[in-house]
Structures are given as structure tokens and as C-alpha cells.
């Protein structure tokens, strides 16, 4: 259940399902809780599900900086040790979920990390390019969403990626705005790509079941990262999903759902 004594009022949460164990989903950079709707509906047949808009995204509030410890601690306020959660996190949300499990293990009954590792990724140019292109869009003169799509085409040639980014373009009272806090995310991109090892140095490993789901075509979960994964999460099992890249859950939803449901059912 939601922790009703001290929930974070700045986090927007969507709920599905009325019975069964609690599962929460933490999306990645430029995402929103609703991106997990297809997976959540399948899981909600026998679970209570929370779709969290992470800080700086969706309908959750903006603050003046991005920090994984702060993000993890804010999401942790949604949970209660008497009703521990199965936590699923993708990319940025996967790192936040890992930090949450390490800092508040009593809240997390099991952990599923989707296509990200507890390491510092040095290559961030692709995401910086996306942010620059989104910020360069003149929203004041924008009339139609299709015009935004055309304006982003050179900087973001993939139609799939453009469609994903444009889900964050919101119109209210005739005015277009970006839901993500692009200025802070762009400024703190080094933090987003990093791993807060120093802040976690005094924390013991997370000893509960951990599932890693990686895309075969993605480079975010590699053999050379196994030592870091084992150091922080010794009870981990890794599954590579064929014909999938970084957005595993949207590229191969049926396989993803099947593997996740089996993991959630293990006792």
C-alpha cells in the first residue's frame, strides 16, 4: 500500500490492480510512468501496481538539481516496510531503484533492473544531443505536434526515438511545454550517467533476489560490468532478451512480461 503517513506530494503516481503483492515501476530518462502501462496492465491481474513519474519528469515536480540518492529517498517515501515492494527500474529509473534498494533494503522485497548497470557511463553525447534539440525547439511559435516532429528530424533521425521524446511535449491552454526539466537534466547529465559509489560506500550489498533484464543489442549490461553487479547485488540472475535494444520492455513486451511475471511469482 501507499505510505499515507508521509508520501511525497511532489511525485505523481498512477495505481492499477486491487489485490496481490505490490509492484512499482521507475521509468528512464525522458520517460513517464504511463510508458509502462502495457506491462503494468498484465502484472495488475494479480498485483497492485504503482507507476511513478520520477522527479523532473511527467507530472512530478521539478527541483534545482538531480541526485540519485535524493531521487531514491523520495521514491522510498511511497513504500512501507510492512508491505515491501517489488521494484522495477529501467535505465535512469533502474539506477534509482538500485540506490533505493541499497539504502532502504527493508522496503524492497525484490528488484528487477532493466538494461542498466551500477557503473559510470562515460559516453553521454547521444542524450546531450536529444536535450539540445528539444531545447532548441521554439515552443512559442509551434502550432502542431507534427511540426515539432519535423523540426527534430535532423538531430533525432530515428522515428521511434522522436516519437518517444515527443510524448513529453504537452499542450495546455494553447501553450506547449516540455514535461521533463530539460535544463537541469542537461546540466546534470554527468550525474545521470554516473553511479554514486561514494555515497553508498558504507552500505552493505542488497541480499534479496535481483533480476537483470538486458537487451541483446544494447551495450548497457556488459560482461565487464558483472563484478559491479555482483558486488552490490550478489543474488542476481541475468537474462538477455533477443532482438531488443535499450528499451527492452517496449521492443519485446510479450517476452519481457513473461520473464518479469515468473520472477515476481518466485517465492
Protein backbone atom coordinates (compact mmCIF):
# COMPACT_ATOMS: atom_id res chain seq x y z
CA UNK A 1 0.00 0.00 0.00
CA UNK A 2 0.99 3.62 -0.28
CA UNK A 3 2.58 5.10 2.79
CA UNK A 4 -0.19 7.50 3.70
CA UNK A 5 1.63 8.98 6.70
CA UNK A 6 4.34 10.75 4.72
CA UNK A 7 4.03 10.30 0.95
CA UNK A 8 5.99 12.67 -1.25
CA UNK A 9 3.43 15.19 -2.57
CA UNK A 10 5.77 16.13 -5.40
CA UNK A 11 5.63 12.69 -7.03
CA UNK A 12 2.78 11.79 -9.38
CA UNK A 13 1.75 8.13 -9.06
CA UNK A 14 -0.79 6.09 -11.05
CA UNK A 15 -2.21 2.93 -9.48
CA UNK A 16 -3.56 -0.25 -11.07
CA UNK A 17 -4.79 -3.51 -9.59
CA UNK A 18 -6.61 -4.13 -6.33
CA UNK A 19 -5.04 -7.26 -4.83
CA UNK A 20 -1.80 -9.12 -4.51
CA UNK A 21 1.77 -8.05 -3.76
CA UNK A 22 2.91 -4.51 -4.51
CA UNK A 23 4.97 -3.74 -7.64
CA UNK A 24 6.32 -0.30 -8.62
CA UNK A 25 7.85 0.83 -11.91
CA UNK A 26 10.51 3.55 -12.24
CA UNK A 27 10.97 4.79 -15.81
CA UNK A 28 14.11 6.02 -17.52
CA UNK A 29 15.32 9.39 -18.79
CA UNK A 30 12.67 11.28 -20.80
CA UNK A 31 10.06 8.74 -19.70
CA UNK A 32 6.83 8.85 -17.72
CA UNK A 33 5.03 6.33 -15.57
CA UNK A 34 2.46 5.77 -18.30
CA UNK A 35 5.17 4.35 -20.59
CA UNK A 36 4.83 1.16 -18.52
CA UNK A 37 1.06 0.84 -18.97
CA UNK A 38 1.14 -2.26 -21.19
CA UNK A 39 3.40 -4.16 -18.78
CA UNK A 40 1.53 -2.83 -15.75
CA UNK A 41 -1.87 -3.98 -17.01
CA UNK A 42 -0.56 -7.51 -17.43
CA UNK A 43 1.05 -7.53 -13.99
CA UNK A 44 -2.03 -5.92 -12.37
CA UNK A 45 -4.04 -9.10 -12.92
CA UNK A 46 -2.53 -10.40 -9.68
CA UNK A 47 -0.60 -7.44 -8.23
CA UNK A 48 -1.17 -3.93 -7.01
CA UNK A 49 0.88 -1.68 -9.29
CA UNK A 50 2.34 1.81 -8.94
CA UNK A 51 3.54 3.76 -11.97
CA UNK A 52 5.79 6.54 -10.70
CA UNK A 53 6.58 9.74 -12.59
CA UNK A 54 10.18 10.19 -11.46
CA UNK A 55 11.38 13.62 -10.25
CA UNK A 56 11.92 16.08 -13.12
CA UNK A 57 9.59 14.03 -15.36
CA UNK A 58 5.93 13.64 -16.23
CA UNK A 59 3.66 15.36 -13.73
CA UNK A 60 6.11 15.19 -10.84
CA UNK A 61 7.70 18.37 -9.56
CA UNK A 62 11.00 19.89 -10.62
CA UNK A 63 13.79 20.70 -8.20
CA UNK A 64 17.06 22.54 -8.77
CA UNK A 65 19.36 19.52 -9.14
CA UNK A 66 19.48 15.82 -9.99
CA UNK A 67 20.97 13.40 -7.49
CA UNK A 68 20.37 9.64 -7.35
CA UNK A 69 20.37 9.50 -3.55
CA UNK A 70 17.79 12.27 -3.35
CA UNK A 71 15.64 10.67 -6.07
CA UNK A 72 15.83 7.23 -4.40
CA UNK A 73 14.96 8.62 -0.98
CA UNK A 74 11.96 10.50 -2.37
CA UNK A 75 10.59 7.43 -4.13
CA UNK A 76 11.22 5.40 -0.96
CA UNK A 77 8.66 7.54 0.88
CA UNK A 78 5.95 5.86 -1.18
CA UNK A 79 6.60 2.49 0.44
CA UNK A 80 6.18 0.83 3.81
CA UNK A 81 8.36 -1.88 5.35
CA UNK A 82 5.21 -3.76 6.40
CA UNK A 83 4.24 -4.06 2.72
CA UNK A 84 7.56 -4.26 0.85
CA UNK A 85 7.60 -3.62 -2.88
CA UNK A 86 8.90 -5.49 -5.90
CA UNK A 87 10.76 -2.64 -7.58
CA UNK A 88 11.29 -2.48 -11.37
CA UNK A 89 13.53 0.22 -12.82
CA UNK A 90 14.69 0.96 -16.36
CA UNK A 91 17.83 2.93 -17.24
CA UNK A 92 17.83 6.08 -15.04
CA UNK A 93 14.97 4.54 -13.06
CA UNK A 94 16.99 1.34 -12.74
CA UNK A 95 19.86 3.21 -11.13
CA UNK A 96 17.44 4.99 -8.80
CA UNK A 97 15.85 1.63 -7.93
CA UNK A 98 19.26 0.10 -7.17
CA UNK A 99 20.18 3.02 -4.90
CA UNK A 100 16.81 2.74 -3.15
CA UNK A 101 17.30 -0.98 -2.53
CA UNK A 102 20.78 -0.39 -1.11
CA UNK A 103 19.70 2.49 1.13
CA UNK A 104 16.32 1.06 2.19
CA UNK A 105 16.52 -2.75 1.80
CA UNK A 106 13.65 -3.25 4.24
CA UNK A 107 11.30 -1.58 1.73
CA UNK A 108 12.25 -3.70 -1.31
CA UNK A 109 11.17 -7.34 -1.38
CA UNK A 110 12.86 -7.97 -4.75
CA UNK A 111 14.46 -5.90 -7.51
CA UNK A 112 14.32 -6.00 -11.31
CA UNK A 113 16.87 -3.84 -13.13
CA UNK A 114 16.22 -3.21 -16.82
CA UNK A 115 19.17 -2.57 -19.14
CA UNK A 116 21.47 -0.56 -16.92
CA UNK A 117 24.39 -1.39 -14.61
CA UNK A 118 25.74 0.11 -11.37
CA UNK A 119 28.61 1.83 -13.18
CA UNK A 120 29.61 5.23 -14.52
CA UNK A 121 28.87 5.53 -18.25
CA UNK A 122 31.29 7.98 -19.79
CA UNK A 123 29.55 8.31 -23.17
CA UNK A 124 26.63 10.73 -22.86
CA UNK A 125 26.73 12.56 -26.20
CA UNK A 126 23.58 10.94 -27.59
CA UNK A 127 21.42 12.13 -24.68
CA UNK A 128 23.04 15.58 -24.69
CA UNK A 129 22.11 15.86 -28.36
CA UNK A 130 18.50 15.00 -27.64
CA UNK A 131 18.29 17.63 -24.90
CA UNK A 132 19.92 20.30 -27.08
CA UNK A 133 17.48 19.56 -29.91
CA UNK A 134 14.45 19.67 -27.60
CA UNK A 135 15.57 22.95 -26.02
CA UNK A 136 16.22 24.45 -29.45
CA UNK A 137 12.59 23.92 -30.48
CA UNK A 138 10.72 27.24 -30.47
CA UNK A 139 7.63 26.30 -28.48
CA UNK A 140 6.23 29.82 -28.59
CA UNK A 141 5.66 29.62 -32.36
CA UNK A 142 4.86 25.89 -32.52
CA UNK A 143 1.39 25.16 -33.91
CA UNK A 144 1.20 21.39 -34.37
CA UNK A 145 2.98 18.36 -32.92
CA UNK A 146 3.88 17.28 -36.45
CA UNK A 147 5.88 20.50 -36.80
CA UNK A 148 7.90 19.54 -33.73
CA UNK A 149 8.50 16.10 -35.24
CA UNK A 150 9.81 17.70 -38.44
CA UNK A 151 12.00 20.13 -36.51
CA UNK A 152 13.66 17.31 -34.56
CA UNK A 153 14.21 15.07 -37.58
CA UNK A 154 17.80 16.12 -38.34
CA UNK A 155 19.01 15.88 -34.73
CA UNK A 156 16.97 12.74 -33.94
CA UNK A 157 16.79 10.70 -37.18
CA UNK A 158 15.12 7.68 -35.58
CA UNK A 159 11.35 8.00 -35.86
CA UNK A 160 10.92 5.67 -32.87
CA UNK A 161 13.13 7.84 -30.64
CA UNK A 162 11.46 11.04 -31.86
CA UNK A 163 8.04 9.59 -31.07
CA UNK A 164 9.26 8.67 -27.58
CA UNK A 165 10.67 12.14 -26.95
CA UNK A 166 7.57 13.88 -28.29
CA UNK A 167 5.40 12.08 -25.74
CA UNK A 168 6.88 14.66 -23.37
CA UNK A 169 5.52 17.60 -25.37
CA UNK A 170 2.42 18.83 -23.58
CA UNK A 171 -0.13 21.43 -24.62
CA UNK A 172 -2.28 23.29 -22.10
CA UNK A 173 -4.43 26.35 -22.81
CA UNK A 174 -2.82 26.67 -26.23
CA UNK A 175 0.72 26.70 -24.82
CA UNK A 176 3.31 23.98 -25.49
CA UNK A 177 5.74 22.89 -22.79
CA UNK A 178 8.18 20.05 -22.18
CA UNK A 179 7.29 17.86 -19.19
CA UNK A 180 10.91 16.95 -18.32
CA UNK A 181 13.13 19.51 -16.60
CA UNK A 182 15.45 19.70 -19.60
CA UNK A 183 17.67 22.48 -18.25
CA UNK A 184 18.58 20.59 -15.06
CA UNK A 185 18.77 17.19 -16.77
CA UNK A 186 21.11 18.62 -19.38
CA UNK A 187 23.27 20.39 -16.80
CA UNK A 188 23.46 17.29 -14.56
CA UNK A 189 23.88 14.72 -17.33
CA UNK A 190 27.21 13.61 -15.85
CA UNK A 191 25.39 12.72 -12.62
CA UNK A 192 22.66 10.91 -14.58
CA UNK A 193 25.24 8.77 -16.34
CA UNK A 194 27.22 8.14 -13.17
CA UNK A 195 26.91 5.86 -10.16
CA UNK A 196 27.02 7.30 -6.60
CA UNK A 197 29.60 4.83 -5.27
CA UNK A 198 30.97 7.25 -2.68
CA UNK A 199 27.53 7.89 -1.20
CA UNK A 200 26.95 4.13 -0.95
CA UNK A 201 30.39 3.16 0.31
CA UNK A 202 29.16 2.28 3.81
CA UNK A 203 26.13 0.31 2.61
CA UNK A 204 26.15 -3.49 2.61
CA UNK A 205 25.10 -5.35 -0.56
CA UNK A 206 21.42 -5.87 -1.24
CA UNK A 207 20.83 -9.51 -0.32
CA UNK A 208 17.40 -10.16 -1.80
CA UNK A 209 16.56 -11.58 -5.26
CA UNK A 210 17.64 -9.36 -8.15
CA UNK A 211 16.82 -9.89 -11.83
CA UNK A 212 18.72 -8.15 -14.61
CA UNK A 213 16.91 -7.88 -17.94
CA UNK A 214 19.12 -6.70 -20.79
CA UNK A 215 18.57 -6.10 -24.48
CA UNK A 216 20.76 -8.17 -26.79
CA UNK A 217 21.52 -5.14 -28.98
CA UNK A 218 22.23 -2.83 -26.06
CA UNK A 219 25.61 -2.08 -24.52
CA UNK A 220 24.43 -1.06 -21.06
CA UNK A 221 24.84 -4.52 -19.46
CA UNK A 222 28.22 -5.98 -20.39
CA UNK A 223 30.43 -8.78 -19.10
CA UNK A 224 32.92 -6.24 -17.74
CA UNK A 225 30.17 -4.80 -15.51
CA UNK A 226 29.47 -8.17 -13.86
CA UNK A 227 31.87 -7.50 -10.98
CA UNK A 228 29.99 -4.32 -10.02
CA UNK A 229 26.65 -6.09 -10.32
CA UNK A 230 27.84 -8.96 -8.12
CA UNK A 231 29.45 -6.60 -5.60
CA UNK A 232 26.24 -4.68 -4.91
CA UNK A 233 23.65 -7.36 -5.71
CA UNK A 234 25.10 -10.83 -5.05
CA UNK A 235 21.80 -12.70 -5.52
CA UNK A 236 21.36 -11.60 -9.12
CA UNK A 237 20.31 -13.51 -12.21
CA UNK A 238 20.81 -12.09 -15.70
CA UNK A 239 18.54 -12.60 -18.67
CA UNK A 240 19.31 -11.26 -22.16
CA UNK A 241 16.29 -10.73 -24.40
CA UNK A 242 16.96 -11.30 -28.09
CA UNK A 243 16.13 -8.74 -30.77
CA UNK A 244 15.85 -5.93 -28.23
CA UNK A 245 17.85 -2.79 -27.60
CA UNK A 246 17.82 -0.42 -24.65
CA UNK A 247 14.00 -0.12 -24.46
CA UNK A 248 13.57 -3.85 -23.83
CA UNK A 249 10.04 -3.64 -22.40
CA UNK A 250 8.64 -1.77 -25.41
CA UNK A 251 10.59 -3.67 -28.09
CA UNK A 252 9.77 -7.18 -26.81
CA UNK A 253 6.81 -6.67 -24.44
CA UNK A 254 5.44 -10.23 -24.51
CA UNK A 255 8.78 -11.83 -23.60
CA UNK A 256 9.53 -9.11 -21.07
CA UNK A 257 6.18 -9.61 -19.34
CA UNK A 258 6.61 -13.39 -19.22
CA UNK A 259 10.08 -13.18 -17.66
CA UNK A 260 9.01 -10.50 -15.19
CA UNK A 261 5.89 -12.39 -14.10
CA UNK A 262 7.92 -15.52 -13.44
CA UNK A 263 10.33 -13.50 -11.31
CA UNK A 264 7.51 -11.90 -9.35
CA UNK A 265 5.91 -15.29 -8.75
CA UNK A 266 9.04 -16.87 -7.25
CA UNK A 267 8.83 -17.39 -3.51
